[in-house]
PDB file of N, CA and C in Angstrom:
ATOM      1  N   MET A   1      62.391  28.057  52.920  1.00  0.00           N
ATOM      2  CA  MET A   1      61.899  29.069  52.012  1.00  0.00           C
ATOM      3  C   MET A   1      60.417  28.816  51.759  1.00  0.00           C
ATOM      4  N   THR A   2      59.686  29.882  51.724  1.00  0.00           N
ATOM      5  CA  THR A   2      58.255  29.747  51.486  1.00  0.00           C
ATOM      6  C   THR A   2      57.824  30.311  50.140  1.00  0.00           C
ATOM      7  N   SER A   3      58.771  30.903  49.409  1.00  0.00           N
ATOM      8  CA  SER A   3      58.467  31.401  48.067  1.00  0.00           C
ATOM      9  C   SER A   3      59.766  31.654  47.305  1.00  0.00           C
ATOM     10  N   ARG A   4      59.646  31.813  46.016  1.00  0.00           N
ATOM     11  CA  ARG A   4      60.791  32.114  45.158  1.00  0.00           C
ATOM     12  C   ARG A   4      61.350  33.506  45.475  1.00  0.00           C
ATOM     13  N   ASP A   5      60.525  34.383  46.035  1.00  0.00           N
ATOM     14  CA  ASP A   5      60.947  35.747  46.367  1.00  0.00           C
ATOM     15  C   ASP A   5      62.056  35.785  47.418  1.00  0.00           C
ATOM     16  N   GLU A   6      62.218  34.710  48.183  1.00  0.00           N
ATOM     17  CA  GLU A   6      63.211  34.671  49.251  1.00  0.00           C
ATOM     18  C   GLU A   6      64.605  34.254  48.780  1.00  0.00           C
ATOM     19  N   VAL A   7      64.782  33.990  47.498  1.00  0.00           N
ATOM     20  CA  VAL A   7      66.071  33.531  46.974  1.00  0.00           C
ATOM     21  C   VAL A   7      67.185  34.512  47.297  1.00  0.00           C
ATOM     22  N   GLY A   8      66.923  35.788  47.223  1.00  0.00           N
ATOM     23  CA  GLY A   8      67.941  36.796  47.511  1.00  0.00           C
ATOM     24  C   GLY A   8      68.488  36.712  48.924  1.00  0.00           C
ATOM     25  N   GLU A   9      67.692  36.224  49.838  1.00  0.00           N
ATOM     26  CA  GLU A   9      68.122  36.110  51.231  1.00  0.00           C
ATOM     27  C   GLU A   9      69.094  34.950  51.462  1.00  0.00           C
ATOM     28  N   LEU A  10      69.230  34.060  50.495  1.00  0.00           N
ATOM     29  CA  LEU A  10      70.140  32.914  50.655  1.00  0.00           C
ATOM     30  C   LEU A  10      71.592  33.336  50.769  1.00  0.00           C
ATOM     31  N   LYS A  11      71.944  34.510  50.261  1.00  0.00           N
ATOM     32  CA  LYS A  11      73.336  34.949  50.371  1.00  0.00           C
ATOM     33  C   LYS A  11      73.737  35.151  51.826  1.00  0.00           C
ATOM     34  N   TYR A  12      72.757  35.282  52.717  1.00  0.00           N
ATOM     35  CA  TYR A  12      73.034  35.442  54.140  1.00  0.00           C
ATOM     36  C   TYR A  12      72.950  34.117  54.901  1.00  0.00           C
ATOM     37  N   ALA A  13      72.627  33.034  54.211  1.00  0.00           N
ATOM     38  CA  ALA A  13      72.442  31.738  54.875  1.00  0.00           C
ATOM     39  C   ALA A  13      73.761  31.109  55.307  1.00  0.00           C
ATOM     40  N   GLY A  14      74.841  31.449  54.638  1.00  0.00           N
ATOM     41  CA  GLY A  14      76.140  30.864  54.979  1.00  0.00           C
ATOM     42  C   GLY A  14      76.110  29.358  54.856  1.00  0.00           C
ATOM     43  N   LYS A  15      76.523  28.666  55.898  1.00  0.00           N
ATOM     44  CA  LYS A  15      76.570  27.201  55.888  1.00  0.00           C
ATOM     45  C   LYS A  15      75.330  26.570  56.524  1.00  0.00           C
ATOM     46  N   ARG A  16      74.319  27.383  56.776  1.00  0.00           N
ATOM     47  CA  ARG A  16      73.096  26.862  57.399  1.00  0.00           C
ATOM     48  C   ARG A  16      72.267  26.057  56.403  1.00  0.00           C
ATOM     49  N   CYS A  17      71.429  25.218  56.933  1.00  0.00           N
ATOM     50  CA  CYS A  17      70.545  24.375  56.143  1.00  0.00           C
ATOM     51  C   CYS A  17      69.385  25.201  55.589  1.00  0.00           C
ATOM     52  N   VAL A  18      69.027  24.949  54.345  1.00  0.00           N
ATOM     53  CA  VAL A  18      67.910  25.644  53.707  1.00  0.00           C
ATOM     54  C   VAL A  18      66.845  24.609  53.366  1.00  0.00           C
ATOM     55  N   PHE A  19      65.640  24.785  53.861  1.00  0.00           N
ATOM     56  CA  PHE A  19      64.522  23.901  53.536  1.00  0.00           C
ATOM     57  C   PHE A  19      63.682  24.572  52.459  1.00  0.00           C
ATOM     58  N   SER A  20      63.440  23.840  51.375  1.00  0.00           N
ATOM     59  CA  SER A  20      62.708  24.423  50.267  1.00  0.00           C
ATOM     60  C   SER A  20      62.113  23.330  49.391  1.00  0.00           C
ATOM     61  N   VAL A  21      61.115  23.688  48.626  1.00  0.00           N
ATOM     62  CA  VAL A  21      60.651  22.811  47.553  1.00  0.00           C
ATOM     63  C   VAL A  21      61.531  23.105  46.339  1.00  0.00           C
ATOM     64  N   PRO A  22      61.722  22.139  45.456  1.00  0.00           N
ATOM     65  CA  PRO A  22      62.637  22.336  44.324  1.00  0.00           C
ATOM     66  C   PRO A  22      62.346  23.569  43.476  1.00  0.00           C
ATOM     67  N   GLU A  23      61.088  23.898  43.275  1.00  0.00           N
ATOM     68  CA  GLU A  23      60.742  25.026  42.412  1.00  0.00           C
ATOM     69  C   GLU A  23      61.316  26.346  42.903  1.00  0.00           C
ATOM     70  N   TYR A  24      61.464  26.511  44.203  1.00  0.00           N
ATOM     71  CA  TYR A  24      61.946  27.770  44.757  1.00  0.00           C
ATOM     72  C   TYR A  24      63.445  27.955  44.597  1.00  0.00           C
ATOM     73  N   VAL A  25      64.192  26.886  44.413  1.00  0.00           N
ATOM     74  CA  VAL A  25      65.651  26.989  44.304  1.00  0.00           C
ATOM     75  C   VAL A  25      66.158  26.614  42.907  1.00  0.00           C
ATOM     76  N   ALA A  26      65.269  26.595  41.942  1.00  0.00           N
ATOM     77  CA  ALA A  26      65.666  26.297  40.558  1.00  0.00           C
ATOM     78  C   ALA A  26      66.755  27.265  40.119  1.00  0.00           C
ATOM     79  N   GLY A  27      67.787  26.737  39.506  1.00  0.00           N
ATOM     80  CA  GLY A  27      68.896  27.554  39.032  1.00  0.00           C
ATOM     81  C   GLY A  27      70.014  27.738  40.034  1.00  0.00           C
ATOM     82  N   LEU A  28      69.811  27.314  41.272  1.00  0.00           N
ATOM     83  CA  LEU A  28      70.843  27.436  42.302  1.00  0.00           C
ATOM     84  C   LEU A  28      71.537  26.101  42.510  1.00  0.00           C
ATOM     85  N   GLN A  29      72.723  26.116  43.091  1.00  0.00           N
ATOM     86  CA  GLN A  29      73.475  24.901  43.404  1.00  0.00           C
ATOM     87  C   GLN A  29      73.802  24.883  44.882  1.00  0.00           C
ATOM     88  N   PHE A  30      73.815  23.682  45.450  1.00  0.00           N
ATOM     89  CA  PHE A  30      74.164  23.478  46.849  1.00  0.00           C
ATOM     90  C   PHE A  30      75.124  22.303  46.929  1.00  0.00           C
ATOM     91  N   ASP A  31      76.062  22.331  47.858  1.00  0.00           N
ATOM     92  CA  ASP A  31      76.987  21.209  48.027  1.00  0.00           C
ATOM     93  C   ASP A  31      76.224  19.909  48.261  1.00  0.00           C
ATOM     94  N   THR A  32      75.276  19.950  49.175  1.00  0.00           N
ATOM     95  CA  THR A  32      74.533  18.756  49.570  1.00  0.00           C
ATOM     96  C   THR A  32      73.043  19.019  49.467  1.00  0.00           C
ATOM     97  N   VAL A  33      72.334  18.061  48.897  1.00  0.00           N
ATOM     98  CA  VAL A  33      70.882  18.155  48.783  1.00  0.00           C
ATOM     99  C   VAL A  33      70.270  16.878  49.345  1.00  0.00           C
ATOM    100  N   PHE A  34      69.220  17.045  50.131  1.00  0.00           N
ATOM    101  CA  PHE A  34      68.437  15.928  50.642  1.00  0.00           C
ATOM    102  C   PHE A  34      67.064  15.985  49.972  1.00  0.00           C
ATOM    103  N   LEU A  35      66.712  14.943  49.251  1.00  0.00           N
ATOM    104  CA  LEU A  35      65.356  14.821  48.702  1.00  0.00           C
ATOM    105  C   LEU A  35      64.587  13.891  49.623  1.00  0.00           C
ATOM    106  N   VAL A  36      63.463  14.326  50.096  1.00  0.00           N
ATOM    107  CA  VAL A  36      62.657  13.486  50.994  1.00  0.00           C
ATOM    108  C   VAL A  36      61.336  13.146  50.326  1.00  0.00           C
ATOM    109  N   HIS A  37      60.774  12.040  50.753  1.00  0.00           N
ATOM    110  CA  HIS A  37      59.499  11.541  50.237  1.00  0.00           C
ATOM    111  C   HIS A  37      59.561  11.197  48.750  1.00  0.00           C
ATOM    112  N   VAL A  38      60.645  10.545  48.337  1.00  0.00           N
ATOM    113  CA  VAL A  38      60.707  10.022  46.978  1.00  0.00           C
ATOM    114  C   VAL A  38      60.196   8.583  47.072  1.00  0.00           C
ATOM    115  N   ASP A  39      58.954   8.468  47.492  1.00  0.00           N
ATOM    116  CA  ASP A  39      58.381   7.147  47.723  1.00  0.00           C
ATOM    117  C   ASP A  39      57.076   6.981  46.953  1.00  0.00           C
ATOM    118  N   ARG A  40      56.589   5.765  46.955  1.00  0.00           N
ATOM    119  CA  ARG A  40      55.406   5.417  46.163  1.00  0.00           C
ATOM    120  C   ARG A  40      54.178   6.236  46.523  1.00  0.00           C
ATOM    121  N   ALA A  41      54.057   6.656  47.758  1.00  0.00           N
ATOM    122  CA  ALA A  41      52.884   7.420  48.183  1.00  0.00           C
ATOM    123  C   ALA A  41      52.760   8.753  47.453  1.00  0.00           C
ATOM    124  N   GLU A  42      53.864   9.293  46.962  1.00  0.00           N
ATOM    125  CA  GLU A  42      53.812  10.563  46.246  1.00  0.00           C
ATOM    126  C   GLU A  42      53.116  10.435  44.897  1.00  0.00           C
ATOM    127  N   VAL A  43      53.160   9.257  44.307  1.00  0.00           N
ATOM    128  CA  VAL A  43      52.414   8.969  43.078  1.00  0.00           C
ATOM    129  C   VAL A  43      51.663   7.680  43.345  1.00  0.00           C
ATOM    130  N   SER A  44      50.526   7.811  44.027  1.00  0.00           N
ATOM    131  CA  SER A  44      49.757   6.630  44.412  1.00  0.00           C
ATOM    132  C   SER A  44      49.104   5.987  43.196  1.00  0.00           C
ATOM    133  N   SER A  45      48.660   4.752  43.362  1.00  0.00           N
ATOM    134  CA  SER A  45      48.019   4.045  42.262  1.00  0.00           C
ATOM    135  C   SER A  45      46.741   4.747  41.819  1.00  0.00           C
ATOM    136  N   ASP A  46      46.108   5.508  42.718  1.00  0.00           N
ATOM    137  CA  ASP A  46      44.917   6.274  42.351  1.00  0.00           C
ATOM    138  C   ASP A  46      45.282   7.482  41.497  1.00  0.00           C
ATOM    139  N   ASP A  47      46.534   7.869  41.535  1.00  0.00           N
ATOM    140  CA  ASP A  47      46.988   9.095  40.886  1.00  0.00           C
ATOM    141  C   ASP A  47      48.008   8.781  39.789  1.00  0.00           C
ATOM    142  N   GLU A  48      47.801   7.701  39.064  1.00  0.00           N
ATOM    143  CA  GLU A  48      48.774   7.234  38.078  1.00  0.00           C
ATOM    144  C   GLU A  48      48.650   7.913  36.722  1.00  0.00           C
ATOM    145  N   SER A  49      48.035   9.077  36.656  1.00  0.00           N
ATOM    146  CA  SER A  49      47.933   9.756  35.375  1.00  0.00           C
ATOM    147  C   SER A  49      49.328  10.117  34.877  1.00  0.00           C
ATOM    148  N   ILE A  50      49.462  10.211  33.591  1.00  0.00           N
ATOM    149  CA  ILE A  50      50.762  10.548  32.997  1.00  0.00           C
ATOM    150  C   ILE A  50      51.220  11.924  33.476  1.00  0.00           C
ATOM    151  N   GLY A  51      50.284  12.859  33.586  1.00  0.00           N
ATOM    152  CA  GLY A  51      50.635  14.205  34.047  1.00  0.00           C
ATOM    153  C   GLY A  51      51.172  14.220  35.462  1.00  0.00           C
ATOM    154  N   ALA A  52      50.537  13.466  36.356  1.00  0.00           N
ATOM    155  CA  ALA A  52      50.986  13.414  37.752  1.00  0.00           C
ATOM    156  C   ALA A  52      52.362  12.782  37.834  1.00  0.00           C
ATOM    157  N   ARG A  53      52.576  11.730  37.066  1.00  0.00           N
ATOM    158  CA  ARG A  53      53.885  11.067  37.057  1.00  0.00           C
ATOM    159  C   ARG A  53      54.964  12.007  36.522  1.00  0.00           C
ATOM    160  N   ARG A  54      54.651  12.715  35.442  1.00  0.00           N
ATOM    161  CA  ARG A  54      55.615  13.666  34.880  1.00  0.00           C
ATOM    162  C   ARG A  54      55.980  14.757  35.870  1.00  0.00           C
ATOM    163  N   ARG A  55      54.994  15.281  36.575  1.00  0.00           N
ATOM    164  CA  ARG A  55      55.266  16.329  37.574  1.00  0.00           C
ATOM    165  C   ARG A  55      56.153  15.797  38.692  1.00  0.00           C
ATOM    166  N   PHE A  56      55.896  14.570  39.133  1.00  0.00           N
ATOM    167  CA  PHE A  56      56.707  13.957  40.183  1.00  0.00           C
ATOM    168  C   PHE A  56      58.151  13.773  39.713  1.00  0.00           C
ATOM    169  N   VAL A  57      58.324  13.218  38.521  1.00  0.00           N
ATOM    170  CA  VAL A  57      59.669  13.011  37.969  1.00  0.00           C
ATOM    171  C   VAL A  57      60.374  14.347  37.791  1.00  0.00           C
ATOM    172  N   SER A  58      59.669  15.335  37.298  1.00  0.00           N
ATOM    173  CA  SER A  58      60.248  16.660  37.072  1.00  0.00           C
ATOM    174  C   SER A  58      60.717  17.288  38.380  1.00  0.00           C
ATOM    175  N   ARG A  59      59.903  17.187  39.434  1.00  0.00           N
ATOM    176  CA  ARG A  59      60.292  17.746  40.734  1.00  0.00           C
ATOM    177  C   ARG A  59      61.501  17.021  41.312  1.00  0.00           C
ATOM    178  N   CYS A  60      61.545  15.703  41.160  1.00  0.00           N
ATOM    179  CA  CYS A  60      62.695  14.932  41.649  1.00  0.00           C
ATOM    180  C   CYS A  60      63.959  15.334  40.897  1.00  0.00           C
ATOM    181  N   TYR A  61      63.859  15.446  39.573  1.00  0.00           N
ATOM    182  CA  TYR A  61      65.017  15.854  38.776  1.00  0.00           C
ATOM    183  C   TYR A  61      65.474  17.257  39.165  1.00  0.00           C
ATOM    184  N   LEU A  62      64.528  18.179  39.279  1.00  0.00           N
ATOM    185  CA  LEU A  62      64.873  19.552  39.632  1.00  0.00           C
ATOM    186  C   LEU A  62      65.583  19.611  40.977  1.00  0.00           C
ATOM    187  N   GLY A  63      65.077  18.872  41.960  1.00  0.00           N
ATOM    188  CA  GLY A  63      65.713  18.847  43.275  1.00  0.00           C
ATOM    189  C   GLY A  63      67.084  18.191  43.239  1.00  0.00           C
ATOM    190  N   ALA A  64      67.175  17.042  42.583  1.00  0.00           N
ATOM    191  CA  ALA A  64      68.446  16.306  42.523  1.00  0.00           C
ATOM    192  C   ALA A  64      69.522  17.088  41.777  1.00  0.00           C
ATOM    193  N   SER A  65      69.145  17.813  40.754  1.00  0.00           N
ATOM    194  CA  SER A  65      70.130  18.547  39.954  1.00  0.00           C
ATOM    195  C   SER A  65      70.650  19.802  40.665  1.00  0.00           C
ATOM    196  N   ARG A  66      70.148  20.122  41.853  1.00  0.00           N
ATOM    197  CA  ARG A  66      70.667  21.244  42.648  1.00  0.00           C
ATOM    198  C   ARG A  66      71.936  20.845  43.387  1.00  0.00           C
ATOM    199  N   ALA A  67      72.223  19.539  43.508  1.00  0.00           N
ATOM    200  CA  ALA A  67      73.375  19.057  44.274  1.00  0.00           C
ATOM    201  C   ALA A  67      74.648  19.122  43.432  1.00  0.00           C
ATOM    202  N   SER A  68      75.689  19.735  43.988  1.00  0.00           N
ATOM    203  CA  SER A  68      76.974  19.783  43.277  1.00  0.00           C
ATOM    204  C   SER A  68      77.958  18.726  43.791  1.00  0.00           C
ATOM    205  N   ARG A  69      77.758  18.212  45.009  1.00  0.00           N
ATOM    206  CA  ARG A  69      78.674  17.211  45.559  1.00  0.00           C
ATOM    207  C   ARG A  69      77.974  15.951  46.038  1.00  0.00           C
ATOM    208  N   ARG A  70      76.944  16.111  46.867  1.00  0.00           N
ATOM    209  CA  ARG A  70      76.283  14.952  47.469  1.00  0.00           C
ATOM    210  C   ARG A  70      74.767  15.068  47.335  1.00  0.00           C
ATOM    211  N   LEU A  71      74.166  13.924  47.042  1.00  0.00           N
ATOM    212  CA  LEU A  71      72.713  13.842  46.964  1.00  0.00           C
ATOM    213  C   LEU A  71      72.258  12.682  47.832  1.00  0.00           C
ATOM    214  N   TYR A  72      71.340  12.962  48.731  1.00  0.00           N
ATOM    215  CA  TYR A  72      70.735  11.925  49.566  1.00  0.00           C
ATOM    216  C   TYR A  72      69.248  11.871  49.237  1.00  0.00           C
ATOM    217  N   VAL A  73      68.750  10.673  49.030  1.00  0.00           N
ATOM    218  CA  VAL A  73      67.337  10.482  48.704  1.00  0.00           C
ATOM    219  C   VAL A  73      66.719   9.648  49.820  1.00  0.00           C
ATOM    220  N   ALA A  74      65.661  10.166  50.431  1.00  0.00           N
ATOM    221  CA  ALA A  74      65.015   9.464  51.538  1.00  0.00           C
ATOM    222  C   ALA A  74      63.637   8.964  51.127  1.00  0.00           C
ATOM    223  N   VAL A  75      63.377   7.712  51.472  1.00  0.00           N
ATOM    224  CA  VAL A  75      62.064   7.112  51.234  1.00  0.00           C
ATOM    225  C   VAL A  75      61.586   6.491  52.537  1.00  0.00           C
ATOM    226  N   SER A  76      60.313   6.185  52.593  1.00  0.00           N
ATOM    227  CA  SER A  76      59.733   5.629  53.800  1.00  0.00           C
ATOM    228  C   SER A  76      58.996   4.328  53.492  1.00  0.00           C
ATOM    229  N   ARG A  77      59.285   3.302  54.267  1.00  0.00           N
ATOM    230  CA  ARG A  77      58.549   2.035  54.103  1.00  0.00           C
ATOM    231  C   ARG A  77      57.064   2.251  54.353  1.00  0.00           C
ATOM    232  N   GLU A  78      56.757   3.093  55.348  1.00  0.00           N
ATOM    233  CA  GLU A  78      55.366   3.363  55.685  1.00  0.00           C
ATOM    234  C   GLU A  78      54.617   4.060  54.554  1.00  0.00           C
ATOM    235  N   ARG A  79      55.345   4.689  53.641  1.00  0.00           N
ATOM    236  CA  ARG A  79      54.735   5.377  52.502  1.00  0.00           C
ATOM    237  C   ARG A  79      54.915   4.575  51.209  1.00  0.00           C
ATOM    238  N   GLY A  80      55.101   3.262  51.350  1.00  0.00           N
ATOM    239  CA  GLY A  80      55.159   2.379  50.186  1.00  0.00           C
ATOM    240  C   GLY A  80      56.540   2.045  49.683  1.00  0.00           C
ATOM    241  N   GLY A  81      57.582   2.544  50.332  1.00  0.00           N
ATOM    242  CA  GLY A  81      58.939   2.269  49.865  1.00  0.00           C
ATOM    243  C   GLY A  81      59.337   3.192  48.727  1.00  0.00           C
ATOM    244  N   ARG A  82      60.480   2.890  48.135  1.00  0.00           N
ATOM    245  CA  ARG A  82      61.010   3.792  47.105  1.00  0.00           C
ATOM    246  C   ARG A  82      60.112   3.849  45.867  1.00  0.00           C
ATOM    247  N   ALA A  83      60.092   5.019  45.277  1.00  0.00           N
ATOM    248  CA  ALA A  83      59.327   5.233  44.050  1.00  0.00           C
ATOM    249  C   ALA A  83      59.986   4.459  42.912  1.00  0.00           C
ATOM    250  N   GLU A  84      59.178   4.046  41.977  1.00  0.00           N
ATOM    251  CA  GLU A  84      59.656   3.258  40.834  1.00  0.00           C
ATOM    252  C   GLU A  84      60.744   3.975  40.037  1.00  0.00           C
ATOM    253  N   ILE A  85      60.723   5.300  40.024  1.00  0.00           N
ATOM    254  CA  ILE A  85      61.715   6.038  39.233  1.00  0.00           C
ATOM    255  C   ILE A  85      63.133   5.861  39.748  1.00  0.00           C
ATOM    256  N   LEU A  86      63.307   5.344  40.965  1.00  0.00           N
ATOM    257  CA  LEU A  86      64.645   5.131  41.519  1.00  0.00           C
ATOM    258  C   LEU A  86      65.243   3.788  41.120  1.00  0.00           C
ATOM    259  N   THR A  87      64.449   2.894  40.583  1.00  0.00           N
ATOM    260  CA  THR A  87      64.922   1.550  40.227  1.00  0.00           C
ATOM    261  C   THR A  87      66.060   1.590  39.210  1.00  0.00           C
ATOM    262  N   GLY A  88      65.896   2.340  38.139  1.00  0.00           N
ATOM    263  CA  GLY A  88      66.926   2.430  37.102  1.00  0.00           C
ATOM    264  C   GLY A  88      68.259   2.951  37.619  1.00  0.00           C
ATOM    265  N   PRO A  89      68.272   4.095  38.305  1.00  0.00           N
ATOM    266  CA  PRO A  89      69.540   4.608  38.843  1.00  0.00           C
ATOM    267  C   PRO A  89      70.200   3.653  39.841  1.00  0.00           C
ATOM    268  N   ILE A  90      69.407   2.935  40.627  1.00  0.00           N
ATOM    269  CA  ILE A  90      69.983   1.975  41.571  1.00  0.00           C
ATOM    270  C   ILE A  90      70.590   0.797  40.808  1.00  0.00           C
ATOM    271  N   GLN A  91      69.884   0.293  39.812  1.00  0.00           N
ATOM    272  CA  GLN A  91      70.395  -0.831  39.026  1.00  0.00           C
ATOM    273  C   GLN A  91      71.650  -0.467  38.254  1.00  0.00           C
ATOM    274  N   SER A  92      71.743   0.776  37.781  1.00  0.00           N
ATOM    275  CA  SER A  92      72.915   1.183  37.009  1.00  0.00           C
ATOM    276  C   SER A  92      74.106   1.542  37.893  1.00  0.00           C
ATOM    277  N   GLY A  93      73.869   1.674  39.201  1.00  0.00           N
ATOM    278  CA  GLY A  93      74.946   2.022  40.112  1.00  0.00           C
ATOM    279  C   GLY A  93      75.162   3.513  40.273  1.00  0.00           C
ATOM    280  N   SER A  94      74.355   4.341  39.629  1.00  0.00           N
ATOM    281  CA  SER A  94      74.532   5.780  39.785  1.00  0.00           C
ATOM    282  C   SER A  94      73.905   6.294  41.083  1.00  0.00           C
ATOM    283  N   LEU A  95      73.086   5.463  41.717  1.00  0.00           N
ATOM    284  CA  LEU A  95      72.509   5.767  43.016  1.00  0.00           C
ATOM    285  C   LEU A  95      72.705   4.541  43.892  1.00  0.00           C
ATOM    286  N   ILE A  96      73.286   4.735  45.056  1.00  0.00           N
ATOM    287  CA  ILE A  96      73.580   3.621  45.962  1.00  0.00           C
ATOM    288  C   ILE A  96      72.505   3.535  47.024  1.00  0.00           C
ATOM    289  N   GLU A  97      71.936   2.352  47.187  1.00  0.00           N
ATOM    290  CA  GLU A  97      70.881   2.151  48.159  1.00  0.00           C
ATOM    291  C   GLU A  97      71.464   1.710  49.488  1.00  0.00           C
ATOM    292  N   ARG A  98      71.063   2.414  50.537  1.00  0.00           N
ATOM    293  CA  ARG A  98      71.444   2.043  51.896  1.00  0.00           C
ATOM    294  C   ARG A  98      70.176   1.967  52.717  1.00  0.00           C
ATOM    295  N   ARG A  99      70.032   0.913  53.462  1.00  0.00           N
ATOM    296  CA  ARG A  99      68.833   0.739  54.275  1.00  0.00           C
ATOM    297  C   ARG A  99      69.149   0.982  55.731  1.00  0.00           C
ATOM    298  N   ALA A 100      68.256   1.670  56.388  1.00  0.00           N
ATOM    299  CA  ALA A 100      68.451   1.952  57.817  1.00  0.00           C
ATOM    300  C   ALA A 100      67.631   0.985  58.659  1.00  0.00           C
TER     301      ALA A 100
END
């Protein structure tokens, strides 16, 4: 999806994969959601302002809350590894870490 205007076309997607940024699918639910680039590079040390961090956390929450059954979160070692916001959910057991 390239804009929020395309939401109406999702009724024709069937079981196909939909690629979107979280803002475009707000309010919708999907069986499975893949969040990619939830890594440190998305909030670099140069960009540690409170506003930037809040926007990052908000986008992650918005994307993750679209999943009704399964949520997969992908991070990259080359991009600094997992973002700090994933530490709490991993420690509490609500998010399971698997390394490839």
